[in-house]
Protein backbone atom coordinates (compact mmCIF):
# COMPACT_ATOMS: atom_id res chain seq x y z
CA MET A 1 69.23 122.45 30.80
CA SER A 2 69.93 125.84 32.36
CA GLN A 3 72.99 126.42 34.53
CA VAL A 4 70.80 127.11 37.59
CA LYS A 5 68.91 123.85 37.04
CA ILE A 6 72.21 122.03 36.72
CA GLU A 7 73.38 123.50 40.03
CA LYS A 8 70.12 122.53 41.73
CA LEU A 9 70.44 119.01 40.36
CA PHE A 10 73.97 118.87 41.72
CA ILE A 11 72.88 120.14 45.15
CA SER A 12 70.13 117.55 45.31
CA ARG A 13 72.47 114.69 44.42
CA MET A 14 75.17 115.96 46.73
CA ASP A 15 72.64 116.05 49.58
CA ASP A 16 71.76 112.41 48.96
CA GLU A 17 75.44 111.44 48.98
CA ARG A 18 76.20 113.30 52.18
CA ASP A 19 73.07 111.95 53.89
CA LYS A 20 74.33 108.43 53.14
CA GLU A 21 77.82 109.23 54.35
CA THR A 22 77.04 111.11 57.55
CA GLY A 23 73.37 111.29 58.42
CA GLU A 24 71.98 114.11 60.57
CA SER A 25 72.32 113.18 64.24
CA SER A 26 71.14 115.37 67.07
CA ASN A 27 74.37 114.66 68.91
CA GLN A 28 76.96 114.69 66.11
CA PRO A 29 77.91 117.59 63.87
CA PRO A 30 77.63 116.99 60.12
CA ASN A 31 80.65 115.72 58.24
CA ARG A 32 82.54 118.78 57.07
CA GLU A 33 84.54 117.18 54.28
CA GLY A 34 81.80 117.97 51.82
CA SER A 35 82.66 121.65 51.93
CA GLN A 36 86.29 121.08 51.03
CA PRO A 37 87.13 121.67 47.35
CA ARG A 38 89.33 118.58 47.15
CA ASP A 39 90.11 118.55 43.45
CA ILE A 40 90.98 122.23 43.19
CA PRO A 41 94.60 122.58 44.34
CA SER A 42 96.02 125.84 45.51
CA GLY A 43 97.67 127.40 42.51
CA SER A 44 98.22 130.46 40.49
CA GLN A 45 95.48 129.87 37.98
CA SER A 46 92.89 132.10 39.60
CA ARG A 47 90.81 134.57 37.67
CA ASN A 48 89.53 138.03 38.54
CA PHE A 49 85.84 138.61 37.92
CA PRO A 50 83.82 141.79 38.44
CA ASP A 51 81.91 142.37 41.65
CA LEU A 52 78.29 141.54 40.86
CA GLY A 53 76.87 143.31 43.87
CA ALA A 54 75.99 142.65 47.50
CA ALA A 55 73.74 143.87 50.28
CA ALA A 56 74.43 147.25 51.81
CA MET A 57 75.11 147.22 55.52
CA PHE A 58 73.91 150.73 56.30
CA PRO A 59 70.40 151.98 55.53
CA SER A 60 71.70 155.48 56.08
CA GLY A 61 74.04 155.16 53.08
CA VAL A 62 77.33 154.41 54.86
CA ALA A 63 79.13 151.67 52.91
CA ALA A 64 79.22 148.19 54.37
CA SER A 65 82.20 146.90 56.24
CA PRO A 66 81.27 143.21 56.04
CA PRO A 67 82.75 141.83 52.79
CA THR A 68 80.57 141.03 49.80
CA PHE A 69 80.44 137.66 48.07
CA ILE A 70 79.84 136.25 44.60
CA SER A 71 77.89 133.01 44.31
CA LEU A 72 77.99 130.73 41.31
CA GLU A 73 74.27 131.28 40.78
CA GLN A 74 74.74 135.06 40.76
CA ILE A 75 77.46 134.75 38.15
CA LEU A 76 75.54 132.41 35.88
CA LYS A 77 72.37 134.55 36.10
CA ALA A 78 74.11 137.73 34.94
CA ALA A 79 72.25 139.87 32.40
CA GLU A 80 71.95 138.53 28.87
CA ASP A 81 73.23 141.49 26.85
CA VAL A 82 76.19 140.92 24.53
CA SER A 83 78.94 141.95 26.93
CA LYS A 84 77.63 139.80 29.75
CA SER A 85 76.89 136.96 27.38
CA GLY A 86 80.59 137.03 26.60
CA PHE A 87 81.38 137.04 30.30
CA ASN A 88 79.08 134.09 31.02
CA MET A 89 80.49 132.19 28.08
CA ALA A 90 84.02 132.82 29.31
CA LEU A 91 83.15 131.60 32.80
CA ALA A 92 81.40 128.45 31.59
CA HIS A 93 84.32 127.73 29.27
CA GLU A 94 86.87 128.31 32.03
CA ILE A 95 85.16 125.92 34.42
CA ALA A 96 84.75 123.29 31.69
CA VAL A 97 88.34 123.24 30.42
CA ASN A 98 90.32 124.22 33.51
CA LYS A 99 90.23 121.58 36.22
CA ASP A 100 92.18 123.93 38.50
CA PHE A 101 89.73 126.81 38.14
CA LYS A 102 88.58 128.41 41.37
CA LEU A 103 87.38 131.72 42.63
CA GLN A 104 89.63 133.55 45.03
CA GLN A 105 89.19 136.36 47.48
CA ASN A 106 89.19 139.75 45.80
CA LYS A 107 92.45 141.63 46.11
CA PRO A 108 92.29 144.85 48.14
CA LYS A 109 91.45 147.85 46.00
CA THR A 110 94.19 150.38 45.42
CA GLY A 111 94.32 154.08 44.69
CA LEU A 112 91.41 156.39 45.39
CA GLU A 113 88.85 153.60 45.18
CA GLY A 114 90.78 151.58 47.73
CA LYS A 115 91.12 154.54 50.07
CA ILE A 116 87.39 155.28 49.94
CA SER A 117 86.58 151.62 50.56
CA GLU A 118 88.97 151.51 53.51
CA ILE A 119 87.47 154.68 55.03
CA CYS A 120 83.90 153.38 54.65
CA HIS A 121 84.75 150.03 56.19
CA GLN A 122 86.56 151.66 59.07
CA ALA A 123 83.59 154.00 59.56
CA PHE A 124 81.36 151.00 60.23
CA TRP A 125 83.65 149.59 62.90
CA ASP A 126 84.17 153.03 64.47
CA ILE A 127 80.42 153.55 64.72
CA LEU A 128 79.96 150.05 66.14
CA THR A 129 82.69 150.69 68.72
CA GLN A 130 81.13 153.99 69.79
CA GLU A 131 77.69 152.42 70.12
CA LEU A 132 78.87 149.41 72.14
CA THR A 133 81.02 151.51 74.50
CA GLY A 134 78.29 154.08 75.11
CA ASP A 135 76.44 154.37 78.39
CA PRO A 136 74.02 152.82 77.89
CA PRO A 137 75.23 150.74 74.90
CA VAL A 138 73.45 151.11 71.57
CA TYR A 139 73.01 148.06 69.35
CA THR A 140 71.77 149.52 66.06
CA GLN A 141 74.83 148.56 64.00
CA ALA A 142 75.25 145.38 66.01
CA MET A 143 71.84 144.19 64.77
CA VAL A 144 72.89 144.90 61.17
CA LEU A 145 76.10 142.96 61.74
CA LEU A 146 74.35 139.96 63.30
CA GLN A 147 71.81 139.86 60.48
CA GLU A 148 74.62 139.82 57.92
CA ILE A 149 76.40 137.00 59.73
CA LYS A 150 73.16 135.03 60.09
CA ASP A 151 72.45 135.36 56.36
CA ILE A 152 75.92 134.08 55.50
CA LEU A 153 75.65 131.11 57.86
CA LEU A 154 72.30 130.14 56.35
CA TRP A 155 73.74 130.52 52.84
CA LEU A 156 76.55 128.11 53.70
CA LEU A 157 74.15 125.35 54.73
CA LEU A 158 73.13 122.58 52.36
CA PRO A 159 69.38 122.11 51.86
CA HIS A 160 69.17 119.02 54.03
CA ASN A 161 70.74 120.76 57.06
CA THR A 162 67.30 121.66 58.40
CA ARG A 163 68.14 121.04 62.07
CA LEU A 164 71.12 123.37 62.01
CA LYS A 165 69.12 125.93 60.05
CA ASN A 166 66.42 125.91 62.69
CA GLU A 167 69.06 126.23 65.41
CA ILE A 168 70.59 129.30 63.73
CA ASN A 169 67.17 130.91 63.26
CA GLU A 170 66.34 130.25 66.90
CA VAL A 171 69.56 131.49 68.48
CA LEU A 172 70.13 134.37 66.08
CA ASP A 173 66.53 135.58 66.20
CA ILE A 174 67.22 139.24 65.46
CA ASP A 175 63.89 140.47 66.85
CA LEU A 176 64.49 138.60 70.10
CA ILE A 177 68.08 139.81 70.30
CA ARG A 178 66.88 143.38 69.74
CA GLN A 179 64.47 143.00 72.66
CA GLN A 180 67.33 141.68 74.82
CA ALA A 181 69.38 144.71 73.86
CA GLU A 182 66.55 147.09 74.75
CA ASN A 183 66.31 145.40 78.16
CA GLU A 184 70.11 145.53 78.59
CA ALA A 185 70.25 141.72 78.68
CA LEU A 186 72.25 141.10 75.50
CA ASP A 187 75.54 139.21 75.76
CA PHE A 188 77.25 140.09 72.46
CA LEU A 189 80.21 137.81 73.15
CA LYS A 190 77.89 134.89 73.84
CA CYS A 191 76.39 135.39 70.36
CA ALA A 192 79.91 135.28 68.96
CA GLN A 193 80.61 131.97 70.68
CA PHE A 194 77.52 130.41 69.11
CA ILE A 195 78.59 131.76 65.71
CA LEU A 196 82.08 130.30 66.13
CA CYS A 197 80.65 126.95 67.18
CA THR A 198 78.44 126.90 64.09
CA MET A 199 81.34 127.89 61.85
CA ALA A 200 83.42 125.06 63.28
CA ARG A 201 80.68 122.58 62.37
CA ILE A 202 80.26 123.63 58.75
CA CYS A 203 83.67 124.95 57.67
CA ALA A 204 86.17 123.05 55.56
CA PRO A 205 89.00 121.47 57.56
CA ALA A 206 91.36 124.07 56.08
CA ARG A 207 89.53 126.74 58.11
CA ASP A 208 89.72 124.96 61.48
CA ASP A 209 92.83 126.91 62.48
CA ASN A 210 91.13 130.22 61.62
CA VAL A 211 88.17 129.39 63.84
CA GLN A 212 90.42 128.18 66.65
CA GLU A 213 92.37 131.45 66.58
CA LEU A 214 89.12 133.40 66.80
CA ARG A 215 88.13 131.45 69.92
CA GLN A 216 91.10 133.02 71.71
CA LEU A 217 89.87 136.59 71.12
CA THR A 218 87.91 138.35 73.85
CA GLN A 219 87.55 141.85 72.44
CA VAL A 220 84.33 142.33 70.50
CA ILE A 221 85.52 144.35 67.49
CA PRO A 222 88.60 142.22 66.57
CA LEU A 223 86.50 139.09 67.15
CA TYR A 224 83.67 140.09 64.81
CA LYS A 225 86.11 141.41 62.23
CA GLY A 226 87.80 138.01 62.24
CA ILE A 227 84.46 136.24 62.02
CA LEU A 228 83.51 138.14 58.88
CA GLU A 229 86.91 137.57 57.27
CA THR A 230 86.68 133.83 57.94
CA LEU A 231 83.09 133.66 56.71
CA GLU A 232 84.27 135.23 53.46
CA LEU A 233 86.83 132.45 53.04
CA MET A 234 84.21 129.83 53.90
CA LYS A 235 81.83 131.18 51.30
CA ILE A 236 84.55 131.07 48.65
CA ASP A 237 85.29 127.49 49.76
CA MET A 238 81.66 126.58 49.22
CA VAL A 239 81.49 128.20 45.79
CA ASN A 240 84.66 126.39 44.72
CA PHE A 241 83.35 123.11 46.05
CA THR A 242 80.13 123.65 44.10
CA ILE A 243 82.14 124.42 40.97
CA SER A 244 84.25 121.30 41.38
CA ARG A 245 81.21 119.08 41.77
CA LEU A 246 79.27 120.93 39.08
CA ARG A 247 82.08 120.60 36.53
CA PRO A 248 81.03 117.22 35.05
CA HIS A 249 77.49 118.53 34.50
CA LEU A 250 78.79 121.80 33.10
CA GLN A 251 81.19 120.02 30.77
CA GLN A 252 78.28 117.97 29.48
CA HIS A 253 76.25 121.06 28.60
CA SER A 254 78.94 123.69 28.04
CA ILE A 255 79.37 122.86 24.34
CA GLU A 256 75.75 123.67 23.59
CA TYR A 257 75.90 126.69 25.88
CA GLU A 258 79.04 128.12 24.22
CA GLN A 259 77.62 127.50 20.76
CA LYS A 260 74.47 129.40 21.68
CA LYS A 261 76.35 132.34 23.19
CA PHE A 262 78.83 132.58 20.32
CA LYS A 263 75.96 132.58 17.83
CA GLU A 264 74.34 135.44 19.76
CA ILE A 265 77.56 137.43 19.59
CA LEU A 266 77.89 136.85 15.83
CA GLN A 267 74.28 137.92 15.29
CA SER A 268 74.78 141.08 17.33
CA LEU A 269 77.84 141.97 15.24
CA GLU A 270 76.01 141.31 12.01
CA SER A 271 73.20 143.62 13.12
CA LEU A 272 75.54 146.59 13.41
CA SER A 273 75.70 149.24 10.70
CA PRO A 274 77.87 148.48 8.86
CA PRO A 275 77.87 144.76 9.76
CA VAL A 276 80.98 143.32 11.41
CA ASP A 277 82.37 139.92 10.38
CA GLY A 278 82.80 138.09 13.66
CA LEU A 279 84.74 135.28 11.95
CA LYS A 280 87.14 137.40 9.90
CA PHE A 281 90.38 136.16 11.44
CA THR A 282 89.11 132.60 11.86
CA ARG A 283 88.36 132.57 8.14
CA LEU A 284 91.79 133.94 7.21
CA TRP A 285 93.47 131.43 9.55
CA LEU A 286 91.82 128.39 7.97
CA GLN A 287 91.98 129.67 4.39
CA ASN A 288 95.72 130.32 4.64
CA VAL A 289 96.37 126.85 6.02
CA TYR A 290 94.20 125.31 3.30
CA ASP A 291 96.16 127.18 0.62
CA GLU A 292 99.50 126.15 2.16
CA ILE A 293 98.54 122.46 2.13
CA SER A 294 97.12 122.68 -1.38
CA ALA A 295 100.39 124.18 -2.62
CA GLU A 296 102.54 121.37 -1.18
CA GLU A 297 104.71 119.72 -3.79
CA GLY A 298 103.27 116.52 -5.18
CA ARG A 299 99.72 117.05 -3.88
CA SER A 300 97.12 116.30 -6.54
CA GLU A 301 93.95 116.16 -4.47
CA GLU A 302 92.27 118.64 -2.19
CA PRO A 303 93.14 118.29 1.51
CA GLN A 304 90.53 116.83 3.82
CA ASN A 305 88.89 119.20 6.28
CA SER A 306 90.29 117.27 9.24
CA VAL A 307 93.83 117.67 7.92
CA VAL A 308 93.38 121.41 7.45
CA ILE A 309 91.97 121.81 10.96
CA ARG A 310 94.79 119.81 12.56
CA ARG A 311 97.45 121.83 10.75
CA ALA A 312 95.65 125.04 11.68
CA TYR A 313 95.74 124.16 15.38
CA LEU A 314 99.45 123.41 15.13
CA LYS A 315 100.02 126.76 13.47
CA ILE A 316 98.51 128.47 16.52
CA LEU A 317 101.41 127.14 18.61
CA ARG A 318 103.79 129.22 16.47
CA TRP A 319 101.48 132.23 16.15
CA THR A 320 103.25 135.59 15.88
CA ALA A 321 100.37 138.01 15.17
CA PRO A 322 98.24 138.34 18.33
CA GLU A 323 96.12 141.10 16.80
CA ASN A 324 94.91 138.62 14.15
CA PHE A 325 94.17 135.76 16.53
CA PRO A 326 91.17 133.63 15.42
CA GLU A 327 87.95 134.65 17.15
CA THR A 328 86.93 131.07 17.91
CA LEU A 329 90.11 130.60 19.98
CA HIS A 330 89.78 133.88 21.84
CA LEU A 331 88.75 132.35 25.18
CA ASP A 332 91.89 130.21 25.15
CA HIS A 333 94.25 132.87 23.80
CA ALA A 334 96.32 132.96 26.99
CA ARG A 335 96.47 129.16 27.12
CA PHE A 336 97.72 128.92 23.57
CA ILE A 337 100.34 131.58 24.28
CA THR A 338 101.50 129.58 27.31
CA LEU A 339 101.55 126.34 25.33
CA GLY A 340 103.53 128.05 22.57
CA ASP A 341 106.07 129.27 25.12
CA ASP A 342 106.29 125.80 26.69
CA LEU A 343 106.84 124.32 23.23
CA THR A 344 109.67 126.77 22.52
CA VAL A 345 111.42 125.94 25.79
CA MET A 346 110.97 122.22 25.17
CA ILE A 347 112.40 122.39 21.65
CA LEU A 348 115.33 124.58 22.72
CA THR A 349 116.09 122.25 25.62
CA ALA A 350 115.99 119.16 23.39
CA THR A 351 118.25 120.90 20.88
CA VAL A 352 120.79 121.87 23.53
CA ILE A 353 120.88 118.30 24.87
CA LEU A 354 121.18 116.76 21.42
CA VAL A 355 124.00 119.15 20.44
CA THR A 356 125.77 118.51 23.75
CA TYR A 357 125.64 114.72 23.51
CA SER A 358 126.64 114.73 19.86
CA ASN A 359 129.65 116.91 20.61
CA VAL A 360 130.88 115.33 23.84
CA GLY A 361 130.57 111.76 22.64
CA PRO A 362 130.02 108.38 24.34
CA ALA A 363 131.59 109.31 27.69
CA ILE A 364 128.28 110.71 28.98
CA GLN A 365 125.86 108.66 26.87
CA GLY A 366 124.95 106.08 29.48
CA ILE A 367 124.68 108.39 32.49
CA THR A 368 120.88 108.75 32.75
CA ASP A 369 120.88 110.83 35.91
CA PHE A 370 123.15 113.39 34.30
CA LYS A 371 120.84 113.82 31.32
CA ASN A 372 117.86 114.43 33.61
CA THR A 373 119.83 116.88 35.74
CA LEU A 374 121.15 118.72 32.71
CA LYS A 375 117.66 118.88 31.24
CA SER A 376 116.11 120.42 34.36
CA HIS A 377 118.89 123.02 34.65
CA VAL A 378 118.67 123.98 30.99
CA GLN A 379 114.87 124.30 31.23
CA ILE A 380 115.24 126.72 34.13
CA LEU A 381 117.82 128.81 32.31
CA LEU A 382 115.65 128.94 29.19
CA SER A 383 112.35 129.64 30.95
CA ASP A 384 112.26 133.23 29.65
CA ALA A 385 113.65 132.39 26.19
CA PRO A 386 110.26 132.69 24.40
CA GLN A 387 110.11 136.39 25.33
CA ILE A 388 113.50 137.33 23.88
CA LYS A 389 114.87 137.44 20.36
CA GLY A 390 118.01 138.18 18.36
CA LYS A 391 121.07 139.29 20.32
CA GLN A 392 119.43 138.69 23.69
CA LEU A 393 118.61 135.10 22.82
CA GLU A 394 122.12 134.59 21.54
CA GLU A 395 123.54 135.85 24.84
CA LYS A 396 121.11 133.67 26.75
CA LEU A 397 122.19 130.54 24.88
CA GLU A 398 125.85 131.46 25.34
CA ALA A 399 125.24 131.53 29.09
CA VAL A 400 123.48 128.17 28.79
CA GLY A 401 126.48 126.82 26.87
CA LEU A 402 128.87 127.90 29.61
CA GLN A 403 126.70 126.23 32.26
CA VAL A 404 126.41 123.05 30.18
CA ALA A 405 130.19 122.91 29.67
CA LYS A 406 130.70 123.31 33.41
CA GLU A 407 128.27 120.52 34.27
CA VAL A 408 129.69 118.23 31.58
CA ASN A 409 133.20 118.65 33.01
CA GLU A 410 131.97 117.93 36.52
CA CYS A 411 130.19 114.80 35.31
CA LEU A 412 133.20 113.57 33.37
CA GLU A 413 135.52 114.04 36.33
CA THR A 414 133.06 112.37 38.71
CA HIS A 415 132.97 109.27 36.50
CA GLY A 416 136.71 109.06 35.94
CA TYR A 417 137.00 110.77 32.56
CA SER A 418 139.15 113.69 31.55
CA ALA A 419 137.47 117.07 31.43
CA LEU A 420 136.94 118.83 28.13
CA GLY A 421 139.93 120.70 26.80
CA MET A 422 139.65 124.45 26.31
CA ASP A 423 139.13 124.04 22.57
CA GLN A 424 136.45 121.40 23.07
CA GLU A 425 134.72 123.55 25.67
CA SER A 426 134.81 126.63 23.43
CA THR A 427 133.43 124.59 20.54
CA LEU A 428 130.56 123.27 22.66
CA VAL A 429 129.63 126.77 23.88
CA ALA A 430 129.79 128.11 20.31
CA LEU A 431 127.57 125.30 19.00
CA ILE A 432 124.94 125.93 21.67
CA LYS A 433 125.11 129.68 21.06
CA LYS A 434 124.30 129.10 17.36
CA ILE A 435 120.95 127.54 18.31
CA SER A 436 119.64 131.12 18.56
CA ASP A 437 119.51 131.11 14.76
CA GLU A 438 115.94 130.19 13.75
CA ASP A 439 117.33 128.28 10.76
CA HIS A 440 119.58 126.13 12.94
CA THR A 441 119.48 122.64 11.44
CA VAL A 442 119.04 120.67 14.67
CA TYR A 443 116.49 123.13 16.03
CA GLN A 444 114.45 122.87 12.84
CA LEU A 445 114.68 119.08 12.91
CA ILE A 446 113.46 118.87 16.52
CA THR A 447 110.64 121.33 15.76
CA LYS A 448 109.54 119.26 12.76
CA ARG A 449 109.53 116.06 14.80
CA VAL A 450 107.52 117.59 17.65
CA LEU A 451 104.90 119.08 15.34
CA GLU A 452 104.58 115.81 13.42
CA PHE A 453 104.12 113.98 16.73
CA LEU A 454 101.39 116.42 17.80
CA GLU A 455 99.66 116.17 14.43
CA LEU A 456 99.59 112.40 14.76
CA ALA A 457 98.26 112.74 18.30
CA LEU A 458 95.41 114.93 17.02
CA GLY A 459 94.35 112.29 14.52
CA THR A 460 94.68 109.02 16.42
CA THR A 461 93.64 107.32 19.64
CA SER A 462 96.41 104.72 19.58
CA SER A 463 99.73 104.98 21.38
CA LEU A 464 102.49 107.01 19.78
CA LYS A 465 106.25 106.62 19.76
CA ILE A 466 108.29 109.49 21.16
CA PRO A 467 110.31 111.03 18.29
CA PRO A 468 114.10 110.44 18.14
CA GLY A 469 116.07 113.04 20.06
CA LEU A 470 113.21 113.72 22.49
CA SER A 471 113.46 110.73 24.80
CA SER A 472 114.83 112.87 27.62
CA LEU A 473 111.71 115.06 27.38
CA GLN A 474 109.20 112.22 27.21
CA ASN A 475 107.31 113.34 30.34
CA GLU A 476 107.21 116.98 29.28
CA LEU A 477 106.08 116.11 25.76
CA SER A 478 103.38 113.77 27.07
CA VAL A 479 102.00 116.38 29.45
CA PHE A 480 102.14 119.03 26.73
CA ALA A 481 100.32 116.80 24.23
CA GLY A 482 97.64 116.00 26.80
CA GLN A 483 96.98 119.68 27.53
CA PHE A 484 96.97 120.56 23.86
CA LEU A 485 94.62 117.73 22.89
CA SER A 486 92.20 118.54 25.70
CA LEU A 487 92.02 122.15 24.59
CA ILE A 488 91.59 121.27 20.92
CA ARG A 489 88.88 118.68 21.48
CA HIS A 490 86.72 121.12 23.41
CA ASN A 491 87.26 123.89 20.87
CA LEU A 492 86.51 121.55 17.97
CA SER A 493 83.33 120.32 19.65
CA VAL A 494 82.08 123.90 19.88
CA PHE A 495 83.22 125.36 16.56
CA SER A 496 83.63 122.48 14.08
CA GLU A 497 80.52 123.56 12.17
CA TYR A 498 82.05 126.97 11.45
CA TYR A 499 85.41 125.44 10.53
CA ASN A 500 83.92 123.00 8.03
CA GLN A 501 81.78 125.71 6.45
CA ILE A 502 84.81 127.96 5.97
CA ILE A 503 86.93 125.18 4.44
CA ASP A 504 84.11 123.97 2.19
CA THR A 505 83.57 127.52 0.96
CA ARG A 506 87.28 127.78 0.18
CA LYS A 507 87.15 124.56 -1.80
CA SER A 508 84.27 125.89 -3.89
CA PHE A 509 86.46 128.76 -5.06
CA LYS A 510 89.34 126.52 -6.15
């Protein structure tokens, strides 16, 4: 099923749901909750996508001031050449795996491009101001503006909103409005009031305040500028709502879609002269892991494909060569980098806590609140640890040791114990500082336990026991495992055929 057909199916079903919930009364406005993207929280996980075009405002060639918009249908119907196939595949993948995905308003352009855009936009409003303040007023640009606003309002309507559609077409009849202007009978502010009333009926609740603020404006230019800015937000709201409701359908079909697009990319690379191996690094990745497992002491039989694949995914969490990153994981490269960083912070934090409790002794063992507080503070201090190495990491952990010693002393004194002596404090700081060594025994032990836990999680559906020494990070480890498993399952569904072929080929050479 094509993406456009999926979207149409979604629209049709959504219409049925909203008809049941609200109906279309001649006296009551439609329920506006449908346009609110409920399951897409505000966050920092937005993506920037290229501008895929919009209508020009000026037939004379002056750039449009009203903002342009990107619909989901426009994005999914982008051209089918290799570069845009990659773009479409990335978008489908992003929507399928990222429940927080949403489009956001384009950031203002900077530099020369931004300056030109600003000048062109301002030119539109300057011309509109001159025309409206002339004697007699001229409404050429005003007609263009009203047509743009009308088109956006109609775009925002759901298919079953026929009554409101007819009302918009009747009130914002551009030919009739043009005749009123020619007869000097046009009330431009009255048109704005109808537009605001319509916006209030169809906008998401989050935009109510924007519309209410616009109702207070009485000057034409600021009012219509605000209308267009709010309509832009409303259109993004609608696209995000569509994405959120489309996601289950897209997830159902995205595996087949990604497989098809990836195959097209491989074929295009193979057709080059000389041909390019689009699976070069994926092959090296799996072959190396296969060889590592085969060389394990005491192993007499060849490793199963599933074991090789699980170990390979775990290896990605400790990946140190970004230029050789497997092609099949490319769309999730940033996610794996983030997960790897989170894993490093989690292991360092667990190591610091284990070293601290082993050194201080039973005095703080039973104080649960202290362990949670210490954990959160250490996590904050180590948040940038994955980006630093060597001497810098050593200095970072020394600072962590000093903070830990301070908090341990405060806890001991609060609960009636003697604070650490200077020698004990120095020893604790020194022990935590030594964690910067990659061969640190406790650090390696914690790392081994975490990776074994994740490997078990990849191969079972039953409950798992949190490894010893990681009880204080149970929530963090559970969340991490969930994110990792979700990512792996989708990737494996798309690319398992390639993985098995590569491993089977390797076995044939043994």
